[in-house]
Amino acid sequence: PCVADVGDFDPCLHFFYKSWPPKGLEGTPICQRYNNTYHFATLYSRPRRSPWFSGYLYTTPRGRRPKASWKYEPQLAYTGADGNMMPFLPGPVDQNVVESQAVEPDYINSTFTRGHLNPSLHHETHNSRSATFTLTNVVPQKVGSNDGPWEYLEQTVNKTLAAYCLGEAYIVTGIIPYKSNEPWIKNHRVAVPEYMWSAYCCPNYNHSLPTELKDAFPTFAAIGRNDPNSSEEIVAIDQKAEKQFRGYDVRQMSLETLETWLKDRFTTVISVFYEQCVHQGNPSHVK
């Protein structure tokens, strides 16, 4: 029997720590399947035509970034469709696909880039990297963030986990919407987030950490600006930053602080990892 990949996280719970997806957000679960293999999980917002978050297992990247071949999720348009993500083909796109999710013309000639929540940089195999190029894993992100501080954060996380995480590293990356007057691209097609956020959980790590990384395990979190005109309440602006990156700062913080801001914005308790990723009684946590 065909297992539905949209509507249930059951087939891909292993991408979350203790098989426990983040709690507190409502949306459509997608088990992201490419070439008949699950690669990550996404909580998708149909009204926004973009994701709330993507959850995945970090693997040390090898080789070059794959060529961007953008894909869509057929089961958002037709429940009985193939469970694999499919590449956009030349020519007009099926209207049910257009209504159910973002399509390439939404991003073309907009002032926003396609911002991966789950980045290809955090994966080892060509297939798992290619699987990140689906528009259900993408939000409208300003180039000053995507090619600046946010990209630097992705690289920093990559280096830190590759060097010091000894077991699984679970990453969840999501967005924070505007409180009001939300901007959209292409005539109310895709909602633009005000902030991006990311957190990881690495329960088993090398305890010989350099001083600057002592707070980076077992959990770490960050929030990045996607709008230079947002207030500085959550993330301050470094006025000395290069002009093209100014106002797109990323603030590193504890998981607890991230969850406080998520609660503030979503007005409900958001829990990213099971019991904050602190595995009671696990000897690897004795400091």
C-alpha atoms as a PDB file:
ATOM      1  CA  PRO A   1       0.000   0.000   0.000  1.00  0.00           C
ATOM      2  CA  CYS A   2       1.056   3.559  -0.707  1.00  0.00           C
ATOM      3  CA  VAL A   3       2.052   5.365   2.474  1.00  0.00           C
ATOM      4  CA  ALA A   4       0.967   9.001   2.498  1.00  0.00           C
ATOM      5  CA  ASP A   5       3.920  11.344   2.906  1.00  0.00           C
ATOM      6  CA  VAL A   6       1.738  14.380   3.582  1.00  0.00           C
ATOM      7  CA  GLY A   7      -0.364  14.656   6.730  1.00  0.00           C
ATOM      8  CA  ASP A   8       1.602  12.448   9.117  1.00  0.00           C
ATOM      9  CA  PHE A   9       5.133  12.503  10.548  1.00  0.00           C
ATOM     10  CA  ASP A  10       5.018   8.782  11.465  1.00  0.00           C
ATOM     11  CA  PRO A  11       7.212   7.546   8.568  1.00  0.00           C
ATOM     12  CA  CYS A  12       9.925  10.126   9.304  1.00  0.00           C
ATOM     13  CA  LEU A  13       9.942  10.573  13.083  1.00  0.00           C
ATOM     14  CA  HIS A  14      13.600   9.474  13.167  1.00  0.00           C
ATOM     15  CA  PHE A  15      14.584  12.972  11.993  1.00  0.00           C
ATOM     16  CA  PHE A  16      13.544  14.311  15.421  1.00  0.00           C
ATOM     17  CA  TYR A  17      15.306  13.736  18.753  1.00  0.00           C
ATOM     18  CA  LYS A  18      13.548  10.863  20.563  1.00  0.00           C
ATOM     19  CA  SER A  19      11.103  10.738  17.595  1.00  0.00           C
ATOM     20  CA  TRP A  20       9.454  13.846  19.064  1.00  0.00           C
ATOM     21  CA  PRO A  21       8.556  16.641  16.595  1.00  0.00           C
ATOM     22  CA  PRO A  22       8.431  20.233  17.905  1.00  0.00           C
ATOM     23  CA  LYS A  23       5.212  20.944  19.789  1.00  0.00           C
ATOM     24  CA  GLY A  24       2.969  24.015  19.635  1.00  0.00           C
ATOM     25  CA  LEU A  25       2.711  24.784  15.908  1.00  0.00           C
ATOM     26  CA  GLU A  26      -0.167  23.805  13.644  1.00  0.00           C
ATOM     27  CA  GLY A  27       0.419  22.815  10.042  1.00  0.00           C
ATOM     28  CA  THR A  28       0.632  20.018   7.494  1.00  0.00           C
ATOM     29  CA  PRO A  29       3.390  17.467   8.181  1.00  0.00           C
ATOM     30  CA  ILE A  30       5.456  16.396   5.157  1.00  0.00           C
ATOM     31  CA  CYS A  31       7.877  13.480   5.144  1.00  0.00           C
ATOM     32  CA  GLN A  32      10.212  14.706   2.428  1.00  0.00           C
ATOM     33  CA  ARG A  33      10.748  11.771   0.072  1.00  0.00           C
ATOM     34  CA  TYR A  34      13.145  11.903  -2.867  1.00  0.00           C
ATOM     35  CA  ASN A  35      14.104   8.909  -5.030  1.00  0.00           C
ATOM     36  CA  ASN A  36      12.009   6.677  -2.732  1.00  0.00           C
ATOM     37  CA  THR A  37      13.971   7.616   0.407  1.00  0.00           C
ATOM     38  CA  TYR A  38      12.952   9.924   3.270  1.00  0.00           C
ATOM     39  CA  HIS A  39      15.496  12.713   3.744  1.00  0.00           C
ATOM     40  CA  PHE A  40      13.923  15.128   6.269  1.00  0.00           C
ATOM     41  CA  ALA A  41      10.624  16.347   7.721  1.00  0.00           C
ATOM     42  CA  THR A  42       8.768  19.648   7.241  1.00  0.00           C
ATOM     43  CA  LEU A  43       5.786  21.238   8.970  1.00  0.00           C
ATOM     44  CA  TYR A  44       4.136  23.100   6.118  1.00  0.00           C
ATOM     45  CA  SER A  45       1.656  25.984   6.140  1.00  0.00           C
ATOM     46  CA  ARG A  46      -0.837  25.747   3.283  1.00  0.00           C
ATOM     47  CA  PRO A  47      -2.179  29.302   3.849  1.00  0.00           C
ATOM     48  CA  ARG A  48       1.367  30.752   3.735  1.00  0.00           C
ATOM     49  CA  ARG A  49       2.528  28.379   0.943  1.00  0.00           C
ATOM     50  CA  SER A  50       5.763  27.949   2.862  1.00  0.00           C
ATOM     51  CA  PRO A  51       7.129  25.921   5.797  1.00  0.00           C
ATOM     52  CA  TRP A  52       6.932  26.594   9.544  1.00  0.00           C
ATOM     53  CA  PHE A  53      10.010  24.449  10.125  1.00  0.00           C
ATOM     54  CA  SER A  54      12.118  21.622   8.743  1.00  0.00           C
ATOM     55  CA  GLY A  55      13.745  18.976  10.950  1.00  0.00           C
ATOM     56  CA  TYR A  56      16.683  16.860   9.858  1.00  0.00           C
ATOM     57  CA  LEU A  57      19.732  14.880  10.926  1.00  0.00           C
ATOM     58  CA  TYR A  58      23.050  16.594  10.291  1.00  0.00           C
ATOM     59  CA  THR A  59      25.630  14.638   8.295  1.00  0.00           C
ATOM     60  CA  THR A  60      29.103  15.930   7.417  1.00  0.00           C
ATOM     61  CA  PRO A  61      28.938  17.327   3.880  1.00  0.00           C
ATOM     62  CA  ARG A  62      31.075  15.955   1.070  1.00  0.00           C
ATOM     63  CA  GLY A  63      31.564  17.172  -2.473  1.00  0.00           C
ATOM     64  CA  ARG A  64      30.139  20.232  -4.173  1.00  0.00           C
ATOM     65  CA  ARG A  65      26.728  21.786  -3.731  1.00  0.00           C
ATOM     66  CA  PRO A  66      24.364  20.204  -6.286  1.00  0.00           C
ATOM     67  CA  LYS A  67      22.926  22.245  -9.111  1.00  0.00           C
ATOM     68  CA  ALA A  68      19.598  23.703  -8.013  1.00  0.00           C
ATOM     69  CA  SER A  69      16.874  21.553  -9.531  1.00  0.00           C
ATOM     70  CA  TRP A  70      13.687  22.799  -7.885  1.00  0.00           C
ATOM     71  CA  LYS A  71      10.931  20.409  -6.897  1.00  0.00           C
ATOM     72  CA  TYR A  72       7.366  20.401  -5.541  1.00  0.00           C
ATOM     73  CA  GLU A  73       5.239  18.084  -3.382  1.00  0.00           C
ATOM     74  CA  PRO A  74       2.568  16.308  -5.507  1.00  0.00           C
ATOM     75  CA  GLN A  75       0.620  15.083  -2.460  1.00  0.00           C
ATOM     76  CA  LEU A  76      -0.189  18.648  -1.393  1.00  0.00           C
ATOM     77  CA  ALA A  77      -2.140  18.933  -4.662  1.00  0.00           C
ATOM     78  CA  TYR A  78      -3.505  15.376  -4.945  1.00  0.00           C
ATOM     79  CA  THR A  79      -3.734  13.067  -1.931  1.00  0.00           C
ATOM     80  CA  GLY A  80      -3.269   9.941  -4.072  1.00  0.00           C
ATOM     81  CA  ALA A  81      -0.243  11.281  -5.956  1.00  0.00           C
ATOM     82  CA  ASP A  82       3.262   9.840  -5.899  1.00  0.00           C
ATOM     83  CA  GLY A  83       4.936  10.386  -2.521  1.00  0.00           C
ATOM     84  CA  ASN A  84       8.220  11.522  -4.043  1.00  0.00           C
ATOM     85  CA  MET A  85       8.931  15.210  -4.561  1.00  0.00           C
ATOM     86  CA  MET A  86       8.919  15.969  -8.286  1.00  0.00           C
ATOM     87  CA  PRO A  87      10.954  18.403 -10.408  1.00  0.00           C
ATOM     88  CA  PHE A  88       9.136  21.291 -12.050  1.00  0.00           C
ATOM     89  CA  LEU A  89       8.955  20.592 -15.781  1.00  0.00           C
ATOM     90  CA  PRO A  90       9.094  23.265 -18.500  1.00  0.00           C
ATOM     91  CA  GLY A  91       5.718  24.761 -19.371  1.00  0.00           C
ATOM     92  CA  PRO A  92       2.595  25.546 -17.346  1.00  0.00           C
ATOM     93  CA  VAL A  93       2.253  24.029 -13.864  1.00  0.00           C
ATOM     94  CA  ASP A  94      -0.883  22.082 -12.879  1.00  0.00           C
ATOM     95  CA  GLN A  95      -3.356  24.506 -11.265  1.00  0.00           C
ATOM     96  CA  ASN A  96      -3.830  22.298  -8.185  1.00  0.00           C
ATOM     97  CA  VAL A  97      -0.072  22.432  -7.592  1.00  0.00           C
ATOM     98  CA  VAL A  98      -0.099  26.229  -8.021  1.00  0.00           C
ATOM     99  CA  GLU A  99      -2.900  26.610  -5.472  1.00  0.00           C
ATOM    100  CA  SER A 100      -1.423  24.225  -2.905  1.00  0.00           C
ATOM    101  CA  GLN A 101       2.174  25.484  -2.766  1.00  0.00           C
ATOM    102  CA  ALA A 102       4.801  27.905  -4.027  1.00  0.00           C
ATOM    103  CA  VAL A 103       5.964  27.536  -7.633  1.00  0.00           C
ATOM    104  CA  GLU A 104       9.051  28.898  -9.373  1.00  0.00           C
ATOM    105  CA  PRO A 105       7.432  32.050 -10.851  1.00  0.00           C
ATOM    106  CA  ASP A 106       6.588  33.177  -7.287  1.00  0.00           C
ATOM    107  CA  TYR A 107      10.295  33.757  -6.642  1.00  0.00           C
ATOM    108  CA  ILE A 108      11.423  34.864 -10.114  1.00  0.00           C
ATOM    109  CA  ASN A 109      11.839  38.671 -10.336  1.00  0.00           C
ATOM    110  CA  SER A 110      10.895  39.086  -6.673  1.00  0.00           C
ATOM    111  CA  THR A 111      13.211  40.904  -4.260  1.00  0.00           C
ATOM    112  CA  PHE A 112      13.618  37.680  -2.262  1.00  0.00           C
ATOM    113  CA  THR A 113      15.826  34.628  -2.668  1.00  0.00           C
ATOM    114  CA  ARG A 114      14.708  31.048  -2.031  1.00  0.00           C
ATOM    115  CA  GLY A 115      15.887  30.555   1.540  1.00  0.00           C
ATOM    116  CA  HIS A 116      16.424  26.922   2.549  1.00  0.00           C
ATOM    117  CA  LEU A 117      15.354  26.001   6.080  1.00  0.00           C
ATOM    118  CA  ASN A 118      17.176  22.669   5.767  1.00  0.00           C
ATOM    119  CA  PRO A 119      20.332  23.646   3.837  1.00  0.00           C
ATOM    120  CA  SER A 120      22.145  21.332   1.434  1.00  0.00           C
ATOM    121  CA  LEU A 121      25.390  22.221   3.258  1.00  0.00           C
ATOM    122  CA  HIS A 122      24.344  20.074   6.241  1.00  0.00           C
ATOM    123  CA  HIS A 123      24.173  16.783   4.295  1.00  0.00           C
ATOM    124  CA  GLU A 124      26.627  14.203   3.094  1.00  0.00           C
ATOM    125  CA  THR A 125      25.107  12.473   0.068  1.00  0.00           C
ATOM    126  CA  HIS A 126      24.184  13.937  -3.290  1.00  0.00           C
ATOM    127  CA  ASN A 127      20.589  12.680  -2.919  1.00  0.00           C
ATOM    128  CA  SER A 128      20.088  14.157   0.552  1.00  0.00           C
ATOM    129  CA  ARG A 129      21.521  17.467  -0.662  1.00  0.00           C
ATOM    130  CA  SER A 130      19.338  17.488  -3.787  1.00  0.00           C
ATOM    131  CA  ALA A 131      16.266  16.726  -1.648  1.00  0.00           C
ATOM    132  CA  THR A 132      16.616  20.102   0.092  1.00  0.00           C
ATOM    133  CA  PHE A 133      15.799  21.858  -3.204  1.00  0.00           C
ATOM    134  CA  THR A 134      12.032  21.636  -2.811  1.00  0.00           C
ATOM    135  CA  LEU A 135       9.963  24.812  -2.516  1.00  0.00           C
ATOM    136  CA  THR A 136       8.195  23.270   0.505  1.00  0.00           C
ATOM    137  CA  ASN A 137      11.549  23.681   2.353  1.00  0.00           C
ATOM    138  CA  VAL A 138      11.969  27.308   1.279  1.00  0.00           C
ATOM    139  CA  VAL A 139      10.832  30.739   2.476  1.00  0.00           C
ATOM    140  CA  PRO A 140      11.268  34.189   0.900  1.00  0.00           C
ATOM    141  CA  GLN A 141      14.591  35.345   2.356  1.00  0.00           C
ATOM    142  CA  LYS A 142      16.388  38.601   1.647  1.00  0.00           C
ATOM    143  CA  VAL A 143      19.733  38.176  -0.088  1.00  0.00           C
ATOM    144  CA  GLY A 144      21.443  40.179   2.692  1.00  0.00           C
ATOM    145  CA  SER A 145      20.463  37.398   5.115  1.00  0.00           C
ATOM    146  CA  ASN A 146      20.761  34.357   2.817  1.00  0.00           C
ATOM    147  CA  ASP A 147      24.205  35.304   1.460  1.00  0.00           C
ATOM    148  CA  GLY A 148      25.383  36.976   4.670  1.00  0.00           C
ATOM    149  CA  PRO A 149      24.905  36.339   8.396  1.00  0.00           C
ATOM    150  CA  TRP A 150      22.482  33.416   7.940  1.00  0.00           C
ATOM    151  CA  GLU A 151      24.853  31.615   5.573  1.00  0.00           C
ATOM    152  CA  TYR A 152      27.658  32.245   8.064  1.00  0.00           C
ATOM    153  CA  LEU A 153      25.512  30.655  10.808  1.00  0.00           C
ATOM    154  CA  GLU A 154      24.946  27.544   8.654  1.00  0.00           C
ATOM    155  CA  GLN A 155      28.706  27.291   8.087  1.00  0.00           C
ATOM    156  CA  THR A 156      29.454  27.785  11.794  1.00  0.00           C
ATOM    157  CA  VAL A 157      26.987  25.056  12.812  1.00  0.00           C
ATOM    158  CA  ASN A 158      28.522  22.767  10.185  1.00  0.00           C
ATOM    159  CA  LYS A 159      32.056  23.302  11.531  1.00  0.00           C
ATOM    160  CA  THR A 160      31.015  22.980  15.198  1.00  0.00           C
ATOM    161  CA  LEU A 161      29.044  19.759  14.751  1.00  0.00           C
ATOM    162  CA  ALA A 162      31.634  18.178  12.450  1.00  0.00           C
ATOM    163  CA  ALA A 163      34.354  18.843  15.028  1.00  0.00           C
ATOM    164  CA  TYR A 164      32.656  18.104  18.361  1.00  0.00           C
ATOM    165  CA  CYS A 165      29.381  16.175  17.960  1.00  0.00           C
ATOM    166  CA  LEU A 166      30.084  12.462  18.499  1.00  0.00           C
ATOM    167  CA  GLY A 167      26.642  11.024  17.797  1.00  0.00           C
ATOM    168  CA  GLU A 168      23.460  12.186  16.142  1.00  0.00           C
ATOM    169  CA  ALA A 169      22.852  15.908  15.724  1.00  0.00           C
ATOM    170  CA  TYR A 170      19.202  16.868  15.277  1.00  0.00           C
ATOM    171  CA  ILE A 171      18.539  20.274  13.734  1.00  0.00           C
ATOM    172  CA  VAL A 172      15.256  22.163  13.473  1.00  0.00           C
ATOM    173  CA  THR A 173      15.126  25.399  11.483  1.00  0.00           C
ATOM    174  CA  GLY A 174      12.003  27.509  11.218  1.00  0.00           C
ATOM    175  CA  ILE A 175      10.543  30.962  10.847  1.00  0.00           C
ATOM    176  CA  ILE A 176       8.834  33.654  12.901  1.00  0.00           C
ATOM    177  CA  PRO A 177       6.016  35.537  11.154  1.00  0.00           C
ATOM    178  CA  TYR A 178       5.309  39.248  11.426  1.00  0.00           C
ATOM    179  CA  LYS A 179       2.827  40.294  14.114  1.00  0.00           C
ATOM    180  CA  SER A 180       0.781  42.297  11.588  1.00  0.00           C
ATOM    181  CA  ASN A 181       0.880  43.777   8.063  1.00  0.00           C
ATOM    182  CA  GLU A 182       2.626  40.678   6.824  1.00  0.00           C
ATOM    183  CA  PRO A 183       4.402  41.112   3.492  1.00  0.00           C
ATOM    184  CA  TRP A 184       3.780  38.559   0.740  1.00  0.00           C
ATOM    185  CA  ILE A 185       5.472  37.962  -2.594  1.00  0.00           C
ATOM    186  CA  LYS A 186       3.671  37.925  -5.947  1.00  0.00           C
ATOM    187  CA  ASN A 187       0.278  39.314  -5.017  1.00  0.00           C
ATOM    188  CA  HIS A 188      -0.396  37.368  -1.812  1.00  0.00           C
ATOM    189  CA  ARG A 189       1.162  34.131  -3.023  1.00  0.00           C
ATOM    190  CA  VAL A 190       3.851  33.337  -0.407  1.00  0.00           C
ATOM    191  CA  ALA A 191       4.150  34.862   3.080  1.00  0.00           C
ATOM    192  CA  VAL A 192       7.484  36.461   4.021  1.00  0.00           C
ATOM    193  CA  PRO A 193       8.881  35.670   7.505  1.00  0.00           C
ATOM    194  CA  GLU A 194      10.231  38.425   9.740  1.00  0.00           C
ATOM    195  CA  TYR A 195      12.852  36.141  11.315  1.00  0.00           C
ATOM    196  CA  MET A 196      14.486  32.762  10.763  1.00  0.00           C
ATOM    197  CA  TRP A 197      15.418  30.560  13.716  1.00  0.00           C
ATOM    198  CA  SER A 198      17.477  27.417  14.133  1.00  0.00           C
ATOM    199  CA  ALA A 199      18.396  25.047  16.960  1.00  0.00           C
ATOM    200  CA  TYR A 200      20.312  21.829  17.287  1.00  0.00           C
ATOM    201  CA  CYS A 201      20.446  18.987  19.800  1.00  0.00           C
ATOM    202  CA  CYS A 202      23.619  16.885  20.076  1.00  0.00           C
ATOM    203  CA  PRO A 203      23.336  14.757  23.230  1.00  0.00           C
ATOM    204  CA  ASN A 204      26.680  12.975  22.816  1.00  0.00           C
ATOM    205  CA  TYR A 205      29.577  15.358  22.302  1.00  0.00           C
ATOM    206  CA  ASN A 206      33.293  15.786  22.938  1.00  0.00           C
ATOM    207  CA  HIS A 207      33.619  17.501  26.313  1.00  0.00           C
ATOM    208  CA  SER A 208      37.044  18.981  25.517  1.00  0.00           C
ATOM    209  CA  LEU A 209      35.409  22.104  24.140  1.00  0.00           C
ATOM    210  CA  PRO A 210      37.193  25.387  23.499  1.00  0.00           C
ATOM    211  CA  THR A 211      35.975  28.177  25.782  1.00  0.00           C
ATOM    212  CA  GLU A 212      33.952  29.880  23.047  1.00  0.00           C
ATOM    213  CA  LEU A 213      31.946  26.662  22.466  1.00  0.00           C
ATOM    214  CA  LYS A 214      31.223  25.713  26.069  1.00  0.00           C
ATOM    215  CA  ASP A 215      27.613  26.913  25.686  1.00  0.00           C
ATOM    216  CA  ALA A 216      27.200  25.289  22.246  1.00  0.00           C
ATOM    217  CA  PHE A 217      26.424  21.788  23.635  1.00  0.00           C
ATOM    218  CA  PRO A 218      24.237  19.851  24.005  1.00  0.00           C
ATOM    219  CA  THR A 219      21.988  22.539  22.527  1.00  0.00           C
ATOM    220  CA  PHE A 220      22.471  25.761  20.623  1.00  0.00           C
ATOM    221  CA  ALA A 221      20.036  28.197  19.025  1.00  0.00           C
ATOM    222  CA  ALA A 222      19.932  31.375  16.970  1.00  0.00           C
ATOM    223  CA  ILE A 223      17.503  33.885  15.469  1.00  0.00           C
ATOM    224  CA  GLY A 224      18.275  35.814  12.296  1.00  0.00           C
ATOM    225  CA  ARG A 225      16.718  38.988  10.945  1.00  0.00           C
ATOM    226  CA  ASN A 226      15.027  38.938   7.526  1.00  0.00           C
ATOM    227  CA  ASP A 227      14.026  42.613   7.593  1.00  0.00           C
ATOM    228  CA  PRO A 228      16.449  45.494   8.240  1.00  0.00           C
ATOM    229  CA  ASN A 229      13.526  47.666   9.411  1.00  0.00           C
ATOM    230  CA  SER A 230      12.337  45.325  12.176  1.00  0.00           C
ATOM    231  CA  SER A 231      12.741  46.499  15.762  1.00  0.00           C
ATOM    232  CA  GLU A 232      15.888  45.527  17.641  1.00  0.00           C
ATOM    233  CA  GLU A 233      13.990  43.897  20.513  1.00  0.00           C
ATOM    234  CA  ILE A 234      14.850  40.316  19.466  1.00  0.00           C
ATOM    235  CA  VAL A 235      18.045  40.837  17.434  1.00  0.00           C
ATOM    236  CA  ALA A 236      20.148  44.009  17.628  1.00  0.00           C
ATOM    237  CA  ILE A 237      21.704  45.583  14.525  1.00  0.00           C
ATOM    238  CA  ASP A 238      25.468  45.901  14.211  1.00  0.00           C
ATOM    239  CA  GLN A 239      25.873  49.316  12.580  1.00  0.00           C
ATOM    240  CA  LYS A 240      29.466  48.433  11.689  1.00  0.00           C
ATOM    241  CA  ALA A 241      28.428  45.511   9.480  1.00  0.00           C
ATOM    242  CA  GLU A 242      29.073  45.702   5.739  1.00  0.00           C
ATOM    243  CA  LYS A 243      26.334  47.701   4.055  1.00  0.00           C
ATOM    244  CA  GLN A 244      24.817  44.800   2.085  1.00  0.00           C
ATOM    245  CA  PHE A 245      24.503  42.713   5.282  1.00  0.00           C
ATOM    246  CA  ARG A 246      23.464  45.493   7.683  1.00  0.00           C
ATOM    247  CA  GLY A 247      20.171  44.776   9.431  1.00  0.00           C
ATOM    248  CA  TYR A 248      20.337  41.034   8.741  1.00  0.00           C
ATOM    249  CA  ASP A 249      22.139  40.153  11.970  1.00  0.00           C
ATOM    250  CA  VAL A 250      21.970  36.716  13.584  1.00  0.00           C
ATOM    251  CA  ARG A 251      21.886  36.436  17.372  1.00  0.00           C
ATOM    252  CA  GLN A 252      23.165  33.242  18.947  1.00  0.00           C
ATOM    253  CA  MET A 253      21.332  32.251  22.129  1.00  0.00           C
ATOM    254  CA  SER A 254      20.365  29.391  24.393  1.00  0.00           C
ATOM    255  CA  LEU A 255      17.538  27.032  23.425  1.00  0.00           C
ATOM    256  CA  GLU A 256      15.593  28.398  26.406  1.00  0.00           C
ATOM    257  CA  THR A 257      15.879  31.979  25.108  1.00  0.00           C
ATOM    258  CA  LEU A 258      14.780  30.905  21.627  1.00  0.00           C
ATOM    259  CA  GLU A 259      11.716  29.157  23.053  1.00  0.00           C
ATOM    260  CA  THR A 260      10.892  32.285  25.080  1.00  0.00           C
ATOM    261  CA  TRP A 261      10.828  34.377  21.885  1.00  0.00           C
ATOM    262  CA  LEU A 262       8.813  31.728  20.033  1.00  0.00           C
ATOM    263  CA  LYS A 263       6.261  31.707  22.862  1.00  0.00           C
ATOM    264  CA  ASP A 264       6.144  35.516  22.749  1.00  0.00           C
ATOM    265  CA  ARG A 265       5.442  35.577  18.995  1.00  0.00           C
ATOM    266  CA  PHE A 266       3.178  32.534  18.613  1.00  0.00           C
ATOM    267  CA  THR A 267       1.412  33.232  21.959  1.00  0.00           C
ATOM    268  CA  THR A 268       1.641  29.549  22.860  1.00  0.00           C
ATOM    269  CA  VAL A 269       4.332  27.315  24.322  1.00  0.00           C
ATOM    270  CA  ILE A 270       6.674  26.011  21.610  1.00  0.00           C
ATOM    271  CA  SER A 271       8.937  23.093  22.543  1.00  0.00           C
ATOM    272  CA  VAL A 272      11.616  22.378  19.944  1.00  0.00           C
ATOM    273  CA  PHE A 273      13.208  19.229  21.455  1.00  0.00           C
ATOM    274  CA  TYR A 274      11.984  16.528  23.821  1.00  0.00           C
ATOM    275  CA  GLU A 275      12.821  17.681  27.364  1.00  0.00           C
ATOM    276  CA  GLN A 276      15.128  20.377  25.951  1.00  0.00           C
ATOM    277  CA  CYS A 277      17.407  17.583  24.621  1.00  0.00           C
ATOM    278  CA  VAL A 278      18.774  17.000  28.134  1.00  0.00           C
ATOM    279  CA  HIS A 279      18.844  13.230  28.498  1.00  0.00           C
ATOM    280  CA  GLN A 280      18.550  12.564  32.227  1.00  0.00           C
ATOM    281  CA  GLY A 281      20.974   9.998  33.574  1.00  0.00           C
ATOM    282  CA  ASN A 282      23.089   9.989  30.427  1.00  0.00           C
ATOM    283  CA  PRO A 283      26.737   9.898  31.582  1.00  0.00           C
ATOM    284  CA  SER A 284      27.838  11.945  28.572  1.00  0.00           C
ATOM    285  CA  HIS A 285      26.120  14.911  30.217  1.00  0.00           C
ATOM    286  CA  VAL A 286      28.187  14.874  33.391  1.00  0.00           C
ATOM    287  CA  LYS A 287      30.264  18.027  33.154  1.00  0.00           C
END
